[in-house]
Structures are given as C-alpha cells and as structure tokens.
N, C-alpha and C. Protein backbone atom coordinates (compact mmCIF):
# COMPACT_ATOMS: atom_id res chain seq x y z
N MET A 1 0.84 -1.18 0.00
CA MET A 1 0.00 0.00 0.00
C MET A 1 0.89 1.24 0.00
N GLN A 2 0.52 2.20 -0.79
CA GLN A 2 1.30 3.42 -0.93
C GLN A 2 0.76 4.50 0.01
N ASN A 3 1.65 5.14 0.74
CA ASN A 3 1.26 6.25 1.60
C ASN A 3 1.29 7.53 0.79
N VAL A 4 0.22 8.31 0.88
CA VAL A 4 0.10 9.55 0.13
C VAL A 4 -0.35 10.65 1.07
N VAL A 5 0.28 11.80 0.96
CA VAL A 5 -0.17 12.98 1.69
C VAL A 5 -1.01 13.81 0.73
N HIS A 6 -2.30 13.84 0.99
CA HIS A 6 -3.22 14.59 0.14
C HIS A 6 -3.01 16.09 0.31
N LYS A 7 -3.46 16.84 -0.67
CA LYS A 7 -3.44 18.30 -0.61
C LYS A 7 -4.89 18.76 -0.51
N TYR A 8 -5.10 19.86 0.23
CA TYR A 8 -6.44 20.34 0.50
C TYR A 8 -6.56 21.81 0.13
N TYR A 9 -7.72 22.17 -0.43
CA TYR A 9 -7.97 23.53 -0.88
C TYR A 9 -9.39 23.93 -0.50
N LYS A 10 -9.60 25.24 -0.41
CA LYS A 10 -10.89 25.75 0.05
C LYS A 10 -11.18 27.10 -0.59
N ARG A 11 -12.47 27.32 -0.88
CA ARG A 11 -12.92 28.65 -1.30
C ARG A 11 -14.33 28.86 -0.80
N ASN A 12 -14.55 30.04 -0.22
CA ASN A 12 -15.87 30.42 0.29
C ASN A 12 -16.56 31.27 -0.78
N PHE A 13 -17.79 30.91 -1.11
CA PHE A 13 -18.57 31.63 -2.11
C PHE A 13 -19.72 32.41 -1.48
N GLY A 14 -19.71 32.59 -0.17
CA GLY A 14 -20.78 33.32 0.51
C GLY A 14 -21.85 32.37 1.03
N ASP A 15 -22.70 31.85 0.13
CA ASP A 15 -23.77 30.94 0.53
C ASP A 15 -23.30 29.51 0.70
N PHE A 16 -22.12 29.20 0.19
CA PHE A 16 -21.58 27.86 0.31
C PHE A 16 -20.06 27.91 0.23
N THR A 17 -19.43 26.84 0.67
CA THR A 17 -17.98 26.71 0.64
C THR A 17 -17.64 25.41 -0.08
N ILE A 18 -16.60 25.45 -0.91
CA ILE A 18 -16.13 24.24 -1.57
C ILE A 18 -14.77 23.87 -1.00
N LEU A 19 -14.65 22.62 -0.58
CA LEU A 19 -13.38 22.07 -0.10
C LEU A 19 -12.98 20.95 -1.05
N VAL A 20 -11.69 20.89 -1.39
CA VAL A 20 -11.20 19.92 -2.36
C VAL A 20 -10.03 19.15 -1.76
N GLN A 21 -10.07 17.83 -1.92
CA GLN A 21 -8.95 16.97 -1.53
C GLN A 21 -8.36 16.42 -2.82
N VAL A 22 -7.04 16.56 -2.99
CA VAL A 22 -6.36 16.07 -4.19
C VAL A 22 -5.28 15.07 -3.79
N ASN A 23 -5.32 13.90 -4.40
CA ASN A 23 -4.24 12.93 -4.27
C ASN A 23 -3.21 13.33 -5.33
N PRO A 24 -2.02 13.80 -4.93
CA PRO A 24 -1.05 14.31 -5.90
C PRO A 24 -0.42 13.22 -6.77
N VAL A 25 -0.60 11.96 -6.41
CA VAL A 25 -0.03 10.86 -7.19
C VAL A 25 -1.01 10.42 -8.28
N SER A 26 -2.25 10.13 -7.89
CA SER A 26 -3.25 9.61 -8.84
C SER A 26 -4.08 10.72 -9.49
N LEU A 27 -4.00 11.93 -8.94
CA LEU A 27 -4.81 13.07 -9.39
C LEU A 27 -6.31 12.77 -9.28
N ARG A 28 -6.66 12.01 -8.27
CA ARG A 28 -8.06 11.77 -7.93
C ARG A 28 -8.33 12.46 -6.61
N GLY A 29 -9.60 12.68 -6.32
CA GLY A 29 -9.91 13.30 -5.05
C GLY A 29 -11.39 13.39 -4.78
N ILE A 30 -11.70 14.25 -3.84
CA ILE A 30 -13.08 14.47 -3.41
C ILE A 30 -13.32 15.97 -3.33
N GLU A 31 -14.50 16.37 -3.79
CA GLU A 31 -14.93 17.76 -3.66
C GLU A 31 -16.16 17.78 -2.76
N LEU A 32 -16.13 18.63 -1.74
CA LEU A 32 -17.26 18.81 -0.85
C LEU A 32 -17.84 20.20 -1.05
N THR A 33 -19.15 20.29 -1.18
CA THR A 33 -19.83 21.58 -1.17
C THR A 33 -20.58 21.65 0.15
N VAL A 34 -20.22 22.63 0.97
CA VAL A 34 -20.83 22.80 2.29
C VAL A 34 -21.76 24.01 2.22
N HIS A 35 -23.05 23.75 2.35
CA HIS A 35 -24.05 24.81 2.28
C HIS A 35 -24.22 25.46 3.66
N ALA A 36 -24.71 26.69 3.67
CA ALA A 36 -24.87 27.44 4.91
C ALA A 36 -25.77 26.72 5.91
N ASN A 37 -26.70 25.90 5.44
CA ASN A 37 -27.60 25.17 6.34
C ASN A 37 -26.97 23.90 6.90
N GLY A 38 -25.70 23.63 6.54
CA GLY A 38 -25.00 22.46 7.06
C GLY A 38 -25.01 21.27 6.13
N GLU A 39 -25.83 21.31 5.08
CA GLU A 39 -25.86 20.20 4.12
C GLU A 39 -24.52 20.11 3.39
N VAL A 40 -24.03 18.88 3.24
CA VAL A 40 -22.75 18.64 2.56
C VAL A 40 -22.98 17.73 1.37
N GLU A 41 -22.56 18.18 0.20
CA GLU A 41 -22.60 17.35 -1.01
C GLU A 41 -21.19 16.85 -1.28
N LYS A 42 -21.07 15.58 -1.63
CA LYS A 42 -19.76 14.96 -1.86
C LYS A 42 -19.71 14.42 -3.28
N ARG A 43 -18.60 14.71 -3.97
CA ARG A 43 -18.39 14.21 -5.32
C ARG A 43 -16.97 13.65 -5.45
N LYS A 44 -16.86 12.45 -5.99
CA LYS A 44 -15.54 11.90 -6.31
C LYS A 44 -15.10 12.54 -7.62
N MET A 45 -13.82 12.90 -7.69
CA MET A 45 -13.32 13.64 -8.84
C MET A 45 -12.08 12.97 -9.43
N GLU A 46 -11.89 13.15 -10.72
CA GLU A 46 -10.64 12.79 -11.39
C GLU A 46 -10.12 14.06 -12.04
N PHE A 47 -8.92 14.46 -11.67
CA PHE A 47 -8.33 15.71 -12.13
C PHE A 47 -7.30 15.45 -13.21
N ASP A 48 -6.90 16.52 -13.90
CA ASP A 48 -5.79 16.40 -14.84
C ASP A 48 -4.57 17.09 -14.23
N GLU A 49 -3.47 17.07 -14.96
CA GLU A 49 -2.22 17.62 -14.42
C GLU A 49 -2.26 19.14 -14.22
N GLU A 50 -3.29 19.79 -14.70
CA GLU A 50 -3.41 21.25 -14.53
C GLU A 50 -4.26 21.64 -13.32
N ILE A 51 -4.62 20.68 -12.48
CA ILE A 51 -5.51 20.97 -11.36
C ILE A 51 -5.00 22.09 -10.47
N TYR A 52 -3.71 22.13 -10.20
CA TYR A 52 -3.19 23.15 -9.28
C TYR A 52 -3.29 24.55 -9.90
N ASP A 53 -3.05 24.65 -11.20
CA ASP A 53 -3.22 25.93 -11.91
C ASP A 53 -4.69 26.34 -11.91
N ASP A 54 -5.57 25.37 -12.13
CA ASP A 54 -7.01 25.65 -12.14
C ASP A 54 -7.48 26.14 -10.78
N LEU A 55 -7.04 25.49 -9.71
CA LEU A 55 -7.42 25.92 -8.36
C LEU A 55 -6.92 27.32 -8.06
N ALA A 56 -5.69 27.62 -8.45
CA ALA A 56 -5.13 28.95 -8.22
C ALA A 56 -5.90 30.00 -9.00
N GLU A 57 -6.22 29.70 -10.26
CA GLU A 57 -6.97 30.64 -11.10
C GLU A 57 -8.36 30.91 -10.52
N ASP A 58 -8.96 29.88 -9.92
CA ASP A 58 -10.28 30.03 -9.31
C ASP A 58 -10.22 30.54 -7.87
N GLU A 59 -9.03 30.96 -7.45
CA GLU A 59 -8.80 31.59 -6.14
C GLU A 59 -9.03 30.67 -4.95
N PHE A 60 -8.78 29.38 -5.13
CA PHE A 60 -8.80 28.46 -3.99
C PHE A 60 -7.49 28.64 -3.23
N LYS A 61 -7.58 28.51 -1.92
CA LYS A 61 -6.41 28.62 -1.04
C LYS A 61 -6.16 27.27 -0.39
N GLU A 62 -4.90 26.99 -0.08
CA GLU A 62 -4.60 25.75 0.65
C GLU A 62 -5.32 25.78 1.99
N SER A 63 -5.79 24.63 2.42
CA SER A 63 -6.52 24.56 3.69
C SER A 63 -6.10 23.32 4.46
N SER A 64 -6.80 23.08 5.54
CA SER A 64 -6.38 22.02 6.46
C SER A 64 -7.11 20.70 6.20
N SER A 65 -6.39 19.62 6.38
CA SER A 65 -6.98 18.29 6.26
C SER A 65 -8.01 18.07 7.36
N LEU A 66 -7.78 18.65 8.52
CA LEU A 66 -8.72 18.49 9.64
C LEU A 66 -10.10 19.03 9.28
N GLU A 67 -10.15 20.25 8.77
CA GLU A 67 -11.44 20.84 8.40
C GLU A 67 -12.15 19.98 7.35
N PHE A 68 -11.42 19.58 6.32
CA PHE A 68 -12.00 18.75 5.26
C PHE A 68 -12.59 17.47 5.85
N ASN A 69 -11.83 16.79 6.68
CA ASN A 69 -12.27 15.51 7.22
C ASN A 69 -13.40 15.64 8.22
N LEU A 70 -13.49 16.74 8.94
CA LEU A 70 -14.64 16.97 9.82
C LEU A 70 -15.93 17.04 9.02
N TYR A 71 -15.89 17.77 7.90
CA TYR A 71 -17.07 17.84 7.02
C TYR A 71 -17.34 16.51 6.35
N LEU A 72 -16.32 15.83 5.89
CA LEU A 72 -16.47 14.55 5.22
C LEU A 72 -17.15 13.53 6.13
N LYS A 73 -16.78 13.53 7.40
CA LYS A 73 -17.33 12.56 8.36
C LYS A 73 -18.63 13.04 9.01
N GLY A 74 -19.08 14.27 8.66
CA GLY A 74 -20.33 14.78 9.21
C GLY A 74 -20.23 15.22 10.65
N LEU A 75 -19.04 15.65 11.08
CA LEU A 75 -18.83 16.02 12.48
C LEU A 75 -18.95 17.52 12.74
N THR A 76 -19.29 18.29 11.73
CA THR A 76 -19.49 19.73 11.89
C THR A 76 -20.60 20.18 10.96
N LYS A 77 -21.17 21.33 11.25
CA LYS A 77 -22.27 21.84 10.42
C LYS A 77 -22.01 23.27 10.04
N GLY A 78 -22.53 23.68 8.89
CA GLY A 78 -22.43 25.05 8.43
C GLY A 78 -21.04 25.36 7.89
N SER A 79 -20.91 26.55 7.28
CA SER A 79 -19.62 26.93 6.71
C SER A 79 -19.02 28.08 7.46
C-alpha cells in the first residue's frame, strides 16, 4: 500500500464553501460543497495535471486536512 499525503484547498462563495482533496499521485480526489444550512454534497473527482493551476486561477487557497475531514465525516455543520 502506498502512503500519500493529500493536498487540501478551500474557497468560500458566501452561501456555500467548496473544499477539495487532491491525491497528488493519482490526481483523484473528493470535492465537498458545504451549504450554509449544514448540508454537505460529496463528489468523487478525477483531475488532470493542470488541477493546481485551475485551483489557483479560481482563487482556492490551501486549507487544512482536519477541516475537510470533519465535514467529510459529518462532524461539523455550516460553513
């Protein structure tokens, strides 16, 4: 089994926040949309090699794995 340190990104859009987890080896990940009412939508993603440029262009900032995983596991509400 290969150990991978994922990268995490976040952007707040006012009414919702998007958090992204990227596996830098496989370029796969998860995108979470966290709505103001606490609802969380989860999507599995496959990225291309330009994902980091795309995230920067869309003004995503690096964020914490802890925050991402709290939302992923349903242990927090709201954005």
